PDBML (XML) file of the C-alpha atoms, coordinates in Angstrom:
<?xml version="1.0" encoding="UTF-8" ?>
<PDBx:datablock datablockName="MODEL"
   xmlns:PDBx="http://pdbml.pdb.org/schema/pdbx-v50.xsd"
   xmlns:xsi="http://www.w3.org/2001/XMLSchema-instance"
   xsi:schemaLocation="http://pdbml.pdb.org/schema/pdbx-v50.xsd pdbx-v50.xsd">
   <PDBx:atom_siteCategory>
      <PDBx:atom_site id="1">
         <PDBx:B_iso_or_equiv>0.00</PDBx:B_iso_or_equiv>
         <PDBx:Cartn_x>145.151</PDBx:Cartn_x>
         <PDBx:Cartn_y>32.555</PDBx:Cartn_y>
         <PDBx:Cartn_z>-2.991</PDBx:Cartn_z>
         <PDBx:auth_asym_id>A</PDBx:auth_asym_id>
         <PDBx:auth_atom_id>CA</PDBx:auth_atom_id>
         <PDBx:auth_comp_id>ASP</PDBx:auth_comp_id>
         <PDBx:auth_seq_id>1</PDBx:auth_seq_id>
         <PDBx:group_PDB>ATOM</PDBx:group_PDB>
         <PDBx:label_alt_id xsi:nil="true" />
         <PDBx:label_asym_id>A</PDBx:label_asym_id>
         <PDBx:label_atom_id>CA</PDBx:label_atom_id>
         <PDBx:label_comp_id>ASP</PDBx:label_comp_id>
         <PDBx:label_entity_id>1</PDBx:label_entity_id>
         <PDBx:label_seq_id>1</PDBx:label_seq_id>
         <PDBx:occupancy>1.00</PDBx:occupancy>
         <PDBx:pdbx_PDB_model_num>1</PDBx:pdbx_PDB_model_num>
         <PDBx:type_symbol>C</PDBx:type_symbol>
      </PDBx:atom_site>
      <PDBx:atom_site id="2">
         <PDBx:B_iso_or_equiv>0.00</PDBx:B_iso_or_equiv>
         <PDBx:Cartn_x>143.194</PDBx:Cartn_x>
         <PDBx:Cartn_y>33.899</PDBx:Cartn_y>
         <PDBx:Cartn_z>0.562</PDBx:Cartn_z>
         <PDBx:auth_asym_id>A</PDBx:auth_asym_id>
         <PDBx:auth_atom_id>CA</PDBx:auth_atom_id>
         <PDBx:auth_comp_id>TYR</PDBx:auth_comp_id>
         <PDBx:auth_seq_id>2</PDBx:auth_seq_id>
         <PDBx:group_PDB>ATOM</PDBx:group_PDB>
         <PDBx:label_alt_id xsi:nil="true" />
         <PDBx:label_asym_id>A</PDBx:label_asym_id>
         <PDBx:label_atom_id>CA</PDBx:label_atom_id>
         <PDBx:label_comp_id>TYR</PDBx:label_comp_id>
         <PDBx:label_entity_id>1</PDBx:label_entity_id>
         <PDBx:label_seq_id>2</PDBx:label_seq_id>
         <PDBx:occupancy>1.00</PDBx:occupancy>
         <PDBx:pdbx_PDB_model_num>1</PDBx:pdbx_PDB_model_num>
         <PDBx:type_symbol>C</PDBx:type_symbol>
      </PDBx:atom_site>
      <PDBx:atom_site id="3">
         <PDBx:B_iso_or_equiv>0.00</PDBx:B_iso_or_equiv>
         <PDBx:Cartn_x>140.013</PDBx:Cartn_x>
         <PDBx:Cartn_y>34.394</PDBx:Cartn_y>
         <PDBx:Cartn_z>-1.287</PDBx:Cartn_z>
         <PDBx:auth_asym_id>A</PDBx:auth_asym_id>
         <PDBx:auth_atom_id>CA</PDBx:auth_atom_id>
         <PDBx:auth_comp_id>CYS</PDBx:auth_comp_id>
         <PDBx:auth_seq_id>3</PDBx:auth_seq_id>
         <PDBx:group_PDB>ATOM</PDBx:group_PDB>
         <PDBx:label_alt_id xsi:nil="true" />
         <PDBx:label_asym_id>A</PDBx:label_asym_id>
         <PDBx:label_atom_id>CA</PDBx:label_atom_id>
         <PDBx:label_comp_id>CYS</PDBx:label_comp_id>
         <PDBx:label_entity_id>1</PDBx:label_entity_id>
         <PDBx:label_seq_id>3</PDBx:label_seq_id>
         <PDBx:occupancy>1.00</PDBx:occupancy>
         <PDBx:pdbx_PDB_model_num>1</PDBx:pdbx_PDB_model_num>
         <PDBx:type_symbol>C</PDBx:type_symbol>
      </PDBx:atom_site>
      <PDBx:atom_site id="4">
         <PDBx:B_iso_or_equiv>0.00</PDBx:B_iso_or_equiv>
         <PDBx:Cartn_x>139.188</PDBx:Cartn_x>
         <PDBx:Cartn_y>31.340</PDBx:Cartn_y>
         <PDBx:Cartn_z>-2.577</PDBx:Cartn_z>
         <PDBx:auth_asym_id>A</PDBx:auth_asym_id>
         <PDBx:auth_atom_id>CA</PDBx:auth_atom_id>
         <PDBx:auth_comp_id>ASP</PDBx:auth_comp_id>
         <PDBx:auth_seq_id>4</PDBx:auth_seq_id>
         <PDBx:group_PDB>ATOM</PDBx:group_PDB>
         <PDBx:label_alt_id xsi:nil="true" />
         <PDBx:label_asym_id>A</PDBx:label_asym_id>
         <PDBx:label_atom_id>CA</PDBx:label_atom_id>
         <PDBx:label_comp_id>ASP</PDBx:label_comp_id>
         <PDBx:label_entity_id>1</PDBx:label_entity_id>
         <PDBx:label_seq_id>4</PDBx:label_seq_id>
         <PDBx:occupancy>1.00</PDBx:occupancy>
         <PDBx:pdbx_PDB_model_num>1</PDBx:pdbx_PDB_model_num>
         <PDBx:type_symbol>C</PDBx:type_symbol>
      </PDBx:atom_site>
      <PDBx:atom_site id="5">
         <PDBx:B_iso_or_equiv>0.00</PDBx:B_iso_or_equiv>
         <PDBx:Cartn_x>138.833</PDBx:Cartn_x>
         <PDBx:Cartn_y>27.978</PDBx:Cartn_y>
         <PDBx:Cartn_z>-1.768</PDBx:Cartn_z>
         <PDBx:auth_asym_id>A</PDBx:auth_asym_id>
         <PDBx:auth_atom_id>CA</PDBx:auth_atom_id>
         <PDBx:auth_comp_id>VAL</PDBx:auth_comp_id>
         <PDBx:auth_seq_id>5</PDBx:auth_seq_id>
         <PDBx:group_PDB>ATOM</PDBx:group_PDB>
         <PDBx:label_alt_id xsi:nil="true" />
         <PDBx:label_asym_id>A</PDBx:label_asym_id>
         <PDBx:label_atom_id>CA</PDBx:label_atom_id>
         <PDBx:label_comp_id>VAL</PDBx:label_comp_id>
         <PDBx:label_entity_id>1</PDBx:label_entity_id>
         <PDBx:label_seq_id>5</PDBx:label_seq_id>
         <PDBx:occupancy>1.00</PDBx:occupancy>
         <PDBx:pdbx_PDB_model_num>1</PDBx:pdbx_PDB_model_num>
         <PDBx:type_symbol>C</PDBx:type_symbol>
      </PDBx:atom_site>
      <PDBx:atom_site id="6">
         <PDBx:B_iso_or_equiv>0.00</PDBx:B_iso_or_equiv>
         <PDBx:Cartn_x>140.975</PDBx:Cartn_x>
         <PDBx:Cartn_y>24.774</PDBx:Cartn_y>
         <PDBx:Cartn_z>-3.575</PDBx:Cartn_z>
         <PDBx:auth_asym_id>A</PDBx:auth_asym_id>
         <PDBx:auth_atom_id>CA</PDBx:auth_atom_id>
         <PDBx:auth_comp_id>ASP</PDBx:auth_comp_id>
         <PDBx:auth_seq_id>6</PDBx:auth_seq_id>
         <PDBx:group_PDB>ATOM</PDBx:group_PDB>
         <PDBx:label_alt_id xsi:nil="true" />
         <PDBx:label_asym_id>A</PDBx:label_asym_id>
         <PDBx:label_atom_id>CA</PDBx:label_atom_id>
         <PDBx:label_comp_id>ASP</PDBx:label_comp_id>
         <PDBx:label_entity_id>1</PDBx:label_entity_id>
         <PDBx:label_seq_id>6</PDBx:label_seq_id>
         <PDBx:occupancy>1.00</PDBx:occupancy>
         <PDBx:pdbx_PDB_model_num>1</PDBx:pdbx_PDB_model_num>
         <PDBx:type_symbol>C</PDBx:type_symbol>
      </PDBx:atom_site>
      <PDBx:atom_site id="7">
         <PDBx:B_iso_or_equiv>0.00</PDBx:B_iso_or_equiv>
         <PDBx:Cartn_x>139.191</PDBx:Cartn_x>
         <PDBx:Cartn_y>22.334</PDBx:Cartn_y>
         <PDBx:Cartn_z>-5.749</PDBx:Cartn_z>
         <PDBx:auth_asym_id>A</PDBx:auth_asym_id>
         <PDBx:auth_atom_id>CA</PDBx:auth_atom_id>
         <PDBx:auth_comp_id>PRO</PDBx:auth_comp_id>
         <PDBx:auth_seq_id>7</PDBx:auth_seq_id>
         <PDBx:group_PDB>ATOM</PDBx:group_PDB>
         <PDBx:label_alt_id xsi:nil="true" />
         <PDBx:label_asym_id>A</PDBx:label_asym_id>
         <PDBx:label_atom_id>CA</PDBx:label_atom_id>
         <PDBx:label_comp_id>PRO</PDBx:label_comp_id>
         <PDBx:label_entity_id>1</PDBx:label_entity_id>
         <PDBx:label_seq_id>7</PDBx:label_seq_id>
         <PDBx:occupancy>1.00</PDBx:occupancy>
         <PDBx:pdbx_PDB_model_num>1</PDBx:pdbx_PDB_model_num>
         <PDBx:type_symbol>C</PDBx:type_symbol>
      </PDBx:atom_site>
      <PDBx:atom_site id="8">
         <PDBx:B_iso_or_equiv>0.00</PDBx:B_iso_or_equiv>
         <PDBx:Cartn_x>140.010</PDBx:Cartn_x>
         <PDBx:Cartn_y>19.766</PDBx:Cartn_y>
         <PDBx:Cartn_z>-3.243</PDBx:Cartn_z>
         <PDBx:auth_asym_id>A</PDBx:auth_asym_id>
         <PDBx:auth_atom_id>CA</PDBx:auth_atom_id>
         <PDBx:auth_comp_id>MET</PDBx:auth_comp_id>
         <PDBx:auth_seq_id>8</PDBx:auth_seq_id>
         <PDBx:group_PDB>ATOM</PDBx:group_PDB>
         <PDBx:label_alt_id xsi:nil="true" />
         <PDBx:label_asym_id>A</PDBx:label_asym_id>
         <PDBx:label_atom_id>CA</PDBx:label_atom_id>
         <PDBx:label_comp_id>MET</PDBx:label_comp_id>
         <PDBx:label_entity_id>1</PDBx:label_entity_id>
         <PDBx:label_seq_id>8</PDBx:label_seq_id>
         <PDBx:occupancy>1.00</PDBx:occupancy>
         <PDBx:pdbx_PDB_model_num>1</PDBx:pdbx_PDB_model_num>
         <PDBx:type_symbol>C</PDBx:type_symbol>
      </PDBx:atom_site>
      <PDBx:atom_site id="9">
         <PDBx:B_iso_or_equiv>0.00</PDBx:B_iso_or_equiv>
         <PDBx:Cartn_x>137.726</PDBx:Cartn_x>
         <PDBx:Cartn_y>21.319</PDBx:Cartn_y>
         <PDBx:Cartn_z>-0.709</PDBx:Cartn_z>
         <PDBx:auth_asym_id>A</PDBx:auth_asym_id>
         <PDBx:auth_atom_id>CA</PDBx:auth_atom_id>
         <PDBx:auth_comp_id>PHE</PDBx:auth_comp_id>
         <PDBx:auth_seq_id>9</PDBx:auth_seq_id>
         <PDBx:group_PDB>ATOM</PDBx:group_PDB>
         <PDBx:label_alt_id xsi:nil="true" />
         <PDBx:label_asym_id>A</PDBx:label_asym_id>
         <PDBx:label_atom_id>CA</PDBx:label_atom_id>
         <PDBx:label_comp_id>PHE</PDBx:label_comp_id>
         <PDBx:label_entity_id>1</PDBx:label_entity_id>
         <PDBx:label_seq_id>9</PDBx:label_seq_id>
         <PDBx:occupancy>1.00</PDBx:occupancy>
         <PDBx:pdbx_PDB_model_num>1</PDBx:pdbx_PDB_model_num>
         <PDBx:type_symbol>C</PDBx:type_symbol>
      </PDBx:atom_site>
      <PDBx:atom_site id="10">
         <PDBx:B_iso_or_equiv>0.00</PDBx:B_iso_or_equiv>
         <PDBx:Cartn_x>134.995</PDBx:Cartn_x>
         <PDBx:Cartn_y>22.770</PDBx:Cartn_y>
         <PDBx:Cartn_z>-3.640</PDBx:Cartn_z>
         <PDBx:auth_asym_id>A</PDBx:auth_asym_id>
         <PDBx:auth_atom_id>CA</PDBx:auth_atom_id>
         <PDBx:auth_comp_id>GLY</PDBx:auth_comp_id>
         <PDBx:auth_seq_id>10</PDBx:auth_seq_id>
         <PDBx:group_PDB>ATOM</PDBx:group_PDB>
         <PDBx:label_alt_id xsi:nil="true" />
         <PDBx:label_asym_id>A</PDBx:label_asym_id>
         <PDBx:label_atom_id>CA</PDBx:label_atom_id>
         <PDBx:label_comp_id>GLY</PDBx:label_comp_id>
         <PDBx:label_entity_id>1</PDBx:label_entity_id>
         <PDBx:label_seq_id>10</PDBx:label_seq_id>
         <PDBx:occupancy>1.00</PDBx:occupancy>
         <PDBx:pdbx_PDB_model_num>1</PDBx:pdbx_PDB_model_num>
         <PDBx:type_symbol>C</PDBx:type_symbol>
      </PDBx:atom_site>
      <PDBx:atom_site id="11">
         <PDBx:B_iso_or_equiv>0.00</PDBx:B_iso_or_equiv>
         <PDBx:Cartn_x>134.294</PDBx:Cartn_x>
         <PDBx:Cartn_y>25.925</PDBx:Cartn_y>
         <PDBx:Cartn_z>-3.808</PDBx:Cartn_z>
         <PDBx:auth_asym_id>A</PDBx:auth_asym_id>
         <PDBx:auth_atom_id>CA</PDBx:auth_atom_id>
         <PDBx:auth_comp_id>THR</PDBx:auth_comp_id>
         <PDBx:auth_seq_id>11</PDBx:auth_seq_id>
         <PDBx:group_PDB>ATOM</PDBx:group_PDB>
         <PDBx:label_alt_id xsi:nil="true" />
         <PDBx:label_asym_id>A</PDBx:label_asym_id>
         <PDBx:label_atom_id>CA</PDBx:label_atom_id>
         <PDBx:label_comp_id>THR</PDBx:label_comp_id>
         <PDBx:label_entity_id>1</PDBx:label_entity_id>
         <PDBx:label_seq_id>11</PDBx:label_seq_id>
         <PDBx:occupancy>1.00</PDBx:occupancy>
         <PDBx:pdbx_PDB_model_num>1</PDBx:pdbx_PDB_model_num>
         <PDBx:type_symbol>C</PDBx:type_symbol>
      </PDBx:atom_site>
      <PDBx:atom_site id="12">
         <PDBx:B_iso_or_equiv>0.00</PDBx:B_iso_or_equiv>
         <PDBx:Cartn_x>133.289</PDBx:Cartn_x>
         <PDBx:Cartn_y>29.041</PDBx:Cartn_y>
         <PDBx:Cartn_z>-2.591</PDBx:Cartn_z>
         <PDBx:auth_asym_id>A</PDBx:auth_asym_id>
         <PDBx:auth_atom_id>CA</PDBx:auth_atom_id>
         <PDBx:auth_comp_id>LEU</PDBx:auth_comp_id>
         <PDBx:auth_seq_id>12</PDBx:auth_seq_id>
         <PDBx:group_PDB>ATOM</PDBx:group_PDB>
         <PDBx:label_alt_id xsi:nil="true" />
         <PDBx:label_asym_id>A</PDBx:label_asym_id>
         <PDBx:label_atom_id>CA</PDBx:label_atom_id>
         <PDBx:label_comp_id>LEU</PDBx:label_comp_id>
         <PDBx:label_entity_id>1</PDBx:label_entity_id>
         <PDBx:label_seq_id>12</PDBx:label_seq_id>
         <PDBx:occupancy>1.00</PDBx:occupancy>
         <PDBx:pdbx_PDB_model_num>1</PDBx:pdbx_PDB_model_num>
         <PDBx:type_symbol>C</PDBx:type_symbol>
      </PDBx:atom_site>
      <PDBx:atom_site id="13">
         <PDBx:B_iso_or_equiv>0.00</PDBx:B_iso_or_equiv>
         <PDBx:Cartn_x>129.157</PDBx:Cartn_x>
         <PDBx:Cartn_y>28.537</PDBx:Cartn_y>
         <PDBx:Cartn_z>-3.184</PDBx:Cartn_z>
         <PDBx:auth_asym_id>A</PDBx:auth_asym_id>
         <PDBx:auth_atom_id>CA</PDBx:auth_atom_id>
         <PDBx:auth_comp_id>ALA</PDBx:auth_comp_id>
         <PDBx:auth_seq_id>13</PDBx:auth_seq_id>
         <PDBx:group_PDB>ATOM</PDBx:group_PDB>
         <PDBx:label_alt_id xsi:nil="true" />
         <PDBx:label_asym_id>A</PDBx:label_asym_id>
         <PDBx:label_atom_id>CA</PDBx:label_atom_id>
         <PDBx:label_comp_id>ALA</PDBx:label_comp_id>
         <PDBx:label_entity_id>1</PDBx:label_entity_id>
         <PDBx:label_seq_id>13</PDBx:label_seq_id>
         <PDBx:occupancy>1.00</PDBx:occupancy>
         <PDBx:pdbx_PDB_model_num>1</PDBx:pdbx_PDB_model_num>
         <PDBx:type_symbol>C</PDBx:type_symbol>
      </PDBx:atom_site>
      <PDBx:atom_site id="14">
         <PDBx:B_iso_or_equiv>0.00</PDBx:B_iso_or_equiv>
         <PDBx:Cartn_x>130.323</PDBx:Cartn_x>
         <PDBx:Cartn_y>25.496</PDBx:Cartn_y>
         <PDBx:Cartn_z>-1.059</PDBx:Cartn_z>
         <PDBx:auth_asym_id>A</PDBx:auth_asym_id>
         <PDBx:auth_atom_id>CA</PDBx:auth_atom_id>
         <PDBx:auth_comp_id>ASP</PDBx:auth_comp_id>
         <PDBx:auth_seq_id>14</PDBx:auth_seq_id>
         <PDBx:group_PDB>ATOM</PDBx:group_PDB>
         <PDBx:label_alt_id xsi:nil="true" />
         <PDBx:label_asym_id>A</PDBx:label_asym_id>
         <PDBx:label_atom_id>CA</PDBx:label_atom_id>
         <PDBx:label_comp_id>ASP</PDBx:label_comp_id>
         <PDBx:label_entity_id>1</PDBx:label_entity_id>
         <PDBx:label_seq_id>14</PDBx:label_seq_id>
         <PDBx:occupancy>1.00</PDBx:occupancy>
         <PDBx:pdbx_PDB_model_num>1</PDBx:pdbx_PDB_model_num>
         <PDBx:type_symbol>C</PDBx:type_symbol>
      </PDBx:atom_site>
      <PDBx:atom_site id="15">
         <PDBx:B_iso_or_equiv>0.00</PDBx:B_iso_or_equiv>
         <PDBx:Cartn_x>131.870</PDBx:Cartn_x>
         <PDBx:Cartn_y>27.557</PDBx:Cartn_y>
         <PDBx:Cartn_z>1.889</PDBx:Cartn_z>
         <PDBx:auth_asym_id>A</PDBx:auth_asym_id>
         <PDBx:auth_atom_id>CA</PDBx:auth_atom_id>
         <PDBx:auth_comp_id>PHE</PDBx:auth_comp_id>
         <PDBx:auth_seq_id>15</PDBx:auth_seq_id>
         <PDBx:group_PDB>ATOM</PDBx:group_PDB>
         <PDBx:label_alt_id xsi:nil="true" />
         <PDBx:label_asym_id>A</PDBx:label_asym_id>
         <PDBx:label_atom_id>CA</PDBx:label_atom_id>
         <PDBx:label_comp_id>PHE</PDBx:label_comp_id>
         <PDBx:label_entity_id>1</PDBx:label_entity_id>
         <PDBx:label_seq_id>15</PDBx:label_seq_id>
         <PDBx:occupancy>1.00</PDBx:occupancy>
         <PDBx:pdbx_PDB_model_num>1</PDBx:pdbx_PDB_model_num>
         <PDBx:type_symbol>C</PDBx:type_symbol>
      </PDBx:atom_site>
      <PDBx:atom_site id="16">
         <PDBx:B_iso_or_equiv>0.00</PDBx:B_iso_or_equiv>
         <PDBx:Cartn_x>128.506</PDBx:Cartn_x>
         <PDBx:Cartn_y>30.030</PDBx:Cartn_y>
         <PDBx:Cartn_z>1.736</PDBx:Cartn_z>
         <PDBx:auth_asym_id>A</PDBx:auth_asym_id>
         <PDBx:auth_atom_id>CA</PDBx:auth_atom_id>
         <PDBx:auth_comp_id>ASP</PDBx:auth_comp_id>
         <PDBx:auth_seq_id>16</PDBx:auth_seq_id>
         <PDBx:group_PDB>ATOM</PDBx:group_PDB>
         <PDBx:label_alt_id xsi:nil="true" />
         <PDBx:label_asym_id>A</PDBx:label_asym_id>
         <PDBx:label_atom_id>CA</PDBx:label_atom_id>
         <PDBx:label_comp_id>ASP</PDBx:label_comp_id>
         <PDBx:label_entity_id>1</PDBx:label_entity_id>
         <PDBx:label_seq_id>16</PDBx:label_seq_id>
         <PDBx:occupancy>1.00</PDBx:occupancy>
         <PDBx:pdbx_PDB_model_num>1</PDBx:pdbx_PDB_model_num>
         <PDBx:type_symbol>C</PDBx:type_symbol>
      </PDBx:atom_site>
      <PDBx:atom_site id="17">
         <PDBx:B_iso_or_equiv>0.00</PDBx:B_iso_or_equiv>
         <PDBx:Cartn_x>126.162</PDBx:Cartn_x>
         <PDBx:Cartn_y>26.599</PDBx:Cartn_y>
         <PDBx:Cartn_z>2.147</PDBx:Cartn_z>
         <PDBx:auth_asym_id>A</PDBx:auth_asym_id>
         <PDBx:auth_atom_id>CA</PDBx:auth_atom_id>
         <PDBx:auth_comp_id>ALA</PDBx:auth_comp_id>
         <PDBx:auth_seq_id>17</PDBx:auth_seq_id>
         <PDBx:group_PDB>ATOM</PDBx:group_PDB>
         <PDBx:label_alt_id xsi:nil="true" />
         <PDBx:label_asym_id>A</PDBx:label_asym_id>
         <PDBx:label_atom_id>CA</PDBx:label_atom_id>
         <PDBx:label_comp_id>ALA</PDBx:label_comp_id>
         <PDBx:label_entity_id>1</PDBx:label_entity_id>
         <PDBx:label_seq_id>17</PDBx:label_seq_id>
         <PDBx:occupancy>1.00</PDBx:occupancy>
         <PDBx:pdbx_PDB_model_num>1</PDBx:pdbx_PDB_model_num>
         <PDBx:type_symbol>C</PDBx:type_symbol>
      </PDBx:atom_site>
      <PDBx:atom_site id="18">
         <PDBx:B_iso_or_equiv>0.00</PDBx:B_iso_or_equiv>
         <PDBx:Cartn_x>128.000</PDBx:Cartn_x>
         <PDBx:Cartn_y>25.361</PDBx:Cartn_y>
         <PDBx:Cartn_z>4.791</PDBx:Cartn_z>
         <PDBx:auth_asym_id>A</PDBx:auth_asym_id>
         <PDBx:auth_atom_id>CA</PDBx:auth_atom_id>
         <PDBx:auth_comp_id>MET</PDBx:auth_comp_id>
         <PDBx:auth_seq_id>18</PDBx:auth_seq_id>
         <PDBx:group_PDB>ATOM</PDBx:group_PDB>
         <PDBx:label_alt_id xsi:nil="true" />
         <PDBx:label_asym_id>A</PDBx:label_asym_id>
         <PDBx:label_atom_id>CA</PDBx:label_atom_id>
         <PDBx:label_comp_id>MET</PDBx:label_comp_id>
         <PDBx:label_entity_id>1</PDBx:label_entity_id>
         <PDBx:label_seq_id>18</PDBx:label_seq_id>
         <PDBx:occupancy>1.00</PDBx:occupancy>
         <PDBx:pdbx_PDB_model_num>1</PDBx:pdbx_PDB_model_num>
         <PDBx:type_symbol>C</PDBx:type_symbol>
      </PDBx:atom_site>
      <PDBx:atom_site id="19">
         <PDBx:B_iso_or_equiv>0.00</PDBx:B_iso_or_equiv>
         <PDBx:Cartn_x>128.014</PDBx:Cartn_x>
         <PDBx:Cartn_y>29.026</PDBx:Cartn_y>
         <PDBx:Cartn_z>6.481</PDBx:Cartn_z>
         <PDBx:auth_asym_id>A</PDBx:auth_asym_id>
         <PDBx:auth_atom_id>CA</PDBx:auth_atom_id>
         <PDBx:auth_comp_id>LEU</PDBx:auth_comp_id>
         <PDBx:auth_seq_id>19</PDBx:auth_seq_id>
         <PDBx:group_PDB>ATOM</PDBx:group_PDB>
         <PDBx:label_alt_id xsi:nil="true" />
         <PDBx:label_asym_id>A</PDBx:label_asym_id>
         <PDBx:label_atom_id>CA</PDBx:label_atom_id>
         <PDBx:label_comp_id>LEU</PDBx:label_comp_id>
         <PDBx:label_entity_id>1</PDBx:label_entity_id>
         <PDBx:label_seq_id>19</PDBx:label_seq_id>
         <PDBx:occupancy>1.00</PDBx:occupancy>
         <PDBx:pdbx_PDB_model_num>1</PDBx:pdbx_PDB_model_num>
         <PDBx:type_symbol>C</PDBx:type_symbol>
      </PDBx:atom_site>
      <PDBx:atom_site id="20">
         <PDBx:B_iso_or_equiv>0.00</PDBx:B_iso_or_equiv>
         <PDBx:Cartn_x>124.781</PDBx:Cartn_x>
         <PDBx:Cartn_y>28.984</PDBx:Cartn_y>
         <PDBx:Cartn_z>6.533</PDBx:Cartn_z>
         <PDBx:auth_asym_id>A</PDBx:auth_asym_id>
         <PDBx:auth_atom_id>CA</PDBx:auth_atom_id>
         <PDBx:auth_comp_id>THR</PDBx:auth_comp_id>
         <PDBx:auth_seq_id>20</PDBx:auth_seq_id>
         <PDBx:group_PDB>ATOM</PDBx:group_PDB>
         <PDBx:label_alt_id xsi:nil="true" />
         <PDBx:label_asym_id>A</PDBx:label_asym_id>
         <PDBx:label_atom_id>CA</PDBx:label_atom_id>
         <PDBx:label_comp_id>THR</PDBx:label_comp_id>
         <PDBx:label_entity_id>1</PDBx:label_entity_id>
         <PDBx:label_seq_id>20</PDBx:label_seq_id>
         <PDBx:occupancy>1.00</PDBx:occupancy>
         <PDBx:pdbx_PDB_model_num>1</PDBx:pdbx_PDB_model_num>
         <PDBx:type_symbol>C</PDBx:type_symbol>
      </PDBx:atom_site>
      <PDBx:atom_site id="21">
         <PDBx:B_iso_or_equiv>0.00</PDBx:B_iso_or_equiv>
         <PDBx:Cartn_x>123.649</PDBx:Cartn_x>
         <PDBx:Cartn_y>26.037</PDBx:Cartn_y>
         <PDBx:Cartn_z>7.437</PDBx:Cartn_z>
         <PDBx:auth_asym_id>A</PDBx:auth_asym_id>
         <PDBx:auth_atom_id>CA</PDBx:auth_atom_id>
         <PDBx:auth_comp_id>THR</PDBx:auth_comp_id>
         <PDBx:auth_seq_id>21</PDBx:auth_seq_id>
         <PDBx:group_PDB>ATOM</PDBx:group_PDB>
         <PDBx:label_alt_id xsi:nil="true" />
         <PDBx:label_asym_id>A</PDBx:label_asym_id>
         <PDBx:label_atom_id>CA</PDBx:label_atom_id>
         <PDBx:label_comp_id>THR</PDBx:label_comp_id>
         <PDBx:label_entity_id>1</PDBx:label_entity_id>
         <PDBx:label_seq_id>21</PDBx:label_seq_id>
         <PDBx:occupancy>1.00</PDBx:occupancy>
         <PDBx:pdbx_PDB_model_num>1</PDBx:pdbx_PDB_model_num>
         <PDBx:type_symbol>C</PDBx:type_symbol>
      </PDBx:atom_site>
      <PDBx:atom_site id="22">
         <PDBx:B_iso_or_equiv>0.00</PDBx:B_iso_or_equiv>
         <PDBx:Cartn_x>126.046</PDBx:Cartn_x>
         <PDBx:Cartn_y>26.069</PDBx:Cartn_y>
         <PDBx:Cartn_z>10.209</PDBx:Cartn_z>
         <PDBx:auth_asym_id>A</PDBx:auth_asym_id>
         <PDBx:auth_atom_id>CA</PDBx:auth_atom_id>
         <PDBx:auth_comp_id>ALA</PDBx:auth_comp_id>
         <PDBx:auth_seq_id>22</PDBx:auth_seq_id>
         <PDBx:group_PDB>ATOM</PDBx:group_PDB>
         <PDBx:label_alt_id xsi:nil="true" />
         <PDBx:label_asym_id>A</PDBx:label_asym_id>
         <PDBx:label_atom_id>CA</PDBx:label_atom_id>
         <PDBx:label_comp_id>ALA</PDBx:label_comp_id>
         <PDBx:label_entity_id>1</PDBx:label_entity_id>
         <PDBx:label_seq_id>22</PDBx:label_seq_id>
         <PDBx:occupancy>1.00</PDBx:occupancy>
         <PDBx:pdbx_PDB_model_num>1</PDBx:pdbx_PDB_model_num>
         <PDBx:type_symbol>C</PDBx:type_symbol>
      </PDBx:atom_site>
      <PDBx:atom_site id="23">
         <PDBx:B_iso_or_equiv>0.00</PDBx:B_iso_or_equiv>
         <PDBx:Cartn_x>123.954</PDBx:Cartn_x>
         <PDBx:Cartn_y>29.443</PDBx:Cartn_y>
         <PDBx:Cartn_z>10.999</PDBx:Cartn_z>
         <PDBx:auth_asym_id>A</PDBx:auth_asym_id>
         <PDBx:auth_atom_id>CA</PDBx:auth_atom_id>
         <PDBx:auth_comp_id>HIS</PDBx:auth_comp_id>
         <PDBx:auth_seq_id>23</PDBx:auth_seq_id>
         <PDBx:group_PDB>ATOM</PDBx:group_PDB>
         <PDBx:label_alt_id xsi:nil="true" />
         <PDBx:label_asym_id>A</PDBx:label_asym_id>
         <PDBx:label_atom_id>CA</PDBx:label_atom_id>
         <PDBx:label_comp_id>HIS</PDBx:label_comp_id>
         <PDBx:label_entity_id>1</PDBx:label_entity_id>
         <PDBx:label_seq_id>23</PDBx:label_seq_id>
         <PDBx:occupancy>1.00</PDBx:occupancy>
         <PDBx:pdbx_PDB_model_num>1</PDBx:pdbx_PDB_model_num>
         <PDBx:type_symbol>C</PDBx:type_symbol>
      </PDBx:atom_site>
      <PDBx:atom_site id="24">
         <PDBx:B_iso_or_equiv>0.00</PDBx:B_iso_or_equiv>
         <PDBx:Cartn_x>120.611</PDBx:Cartn_x>
         <PDBx:Cartn_y>28.077</PDBx:Cartn_y>
         <PDBx:Cartn_z>10.820</PDBx:Cartn_z>
         <PDBx:auth_asym_id>A</PDBx:auth_asym_id>
         <PDBx:auth_atom_id>CA</PDBx:auth_atom_id>
         <PDBx:auth_comp_id>GLU</PDBx:auth_comp_id>
         <PDBx:auth_seq_id>24</PDBx:auth_seq_id>
         <PDBx:group_PDB>ATOM</PDBx:group_PDB>
         <PDBx:label_alt_id xsi:nil="true" />
         <PDBx:label_asym_id>A</PDBx:label_asym_id>
         <PDBx:label_atom_id>CA</PDBx:label_atom_id>
         <PDBx:label_comp_id>GLU</PDBx:label_comp_id>
         <PDBx:label_entity_id>1</PDBx:label_entity_id>
         <PDBx:label_seq_id>24</PDBx:label_seq_id>
         <PDBx:occupancy>1.00</PDBx:occupancy>
         <PDBx:pdbx_PDB_model_num>1</PDBx:pdbx_PDB_model_num>
         <PDBx:type_symbol>C</PDBx:type_symbol>
      </PDBx:atom_site>
      <PDBx:atom_site id="25">
         <PDBx:B_iso_or_equiv>0.00</PDBx:B_iso_or_equiv>
         <PDBx:Cartn_x>122.049</PDBx:Cartn_x>
         <PDBx:Cartn_y>25.181</PDBx:Cartn_y>
         <PDBx:Cartn_z>13.317</PDBx:Cartn_z>
         <PDBx:auth_asym_id>A</PDBx:auth_asym_id>
         <PDBx:auth_atom_id>CA</PDBx:auth_atom_id>
         <PDBx:auth_comp_id>LEU</PDBx:auth_comp_id>
         <PDBx:auth_seq_id>25</PDBx:auth_seq_id>
         <PDBx:group_PDB>ATOM</PDBx:group_PDB>
         <PDBx:label_alt_id xsi:nil="true" />
         <PDBx:label_asym_id>A</PDBx:label_asym_id>
         <PDBx:label_atom_id>CA</PDBx:label_atom_id>
         <PDBx:label_comp_id>LEU</PDBx:label_comp_id>
         <PDBx:label_entity_id>1</PDBx:label_entity_id>
         <PDBx:label_seq_id>25</PDBx:label_seq_id>
         <PDBx:occupancy>1.00</PDBx:occupancy>
         <PDBx:pdbx_PDB_model_num>1</PDBx:pdbx_PDB_model_num>
         <PDBx:type_symbol>C</PDBx:type_symbol>
      </PDBx:atom_site>
   </PDBx:atom_siteCategory>
</PDBx:datablock>
């Protein structure tokens, strides 16, 4: 599934949070 996060790595919300933090840095 190209449009979702594998449960091993978390969720789409986890990705969004990571992306936000990266951009803040």
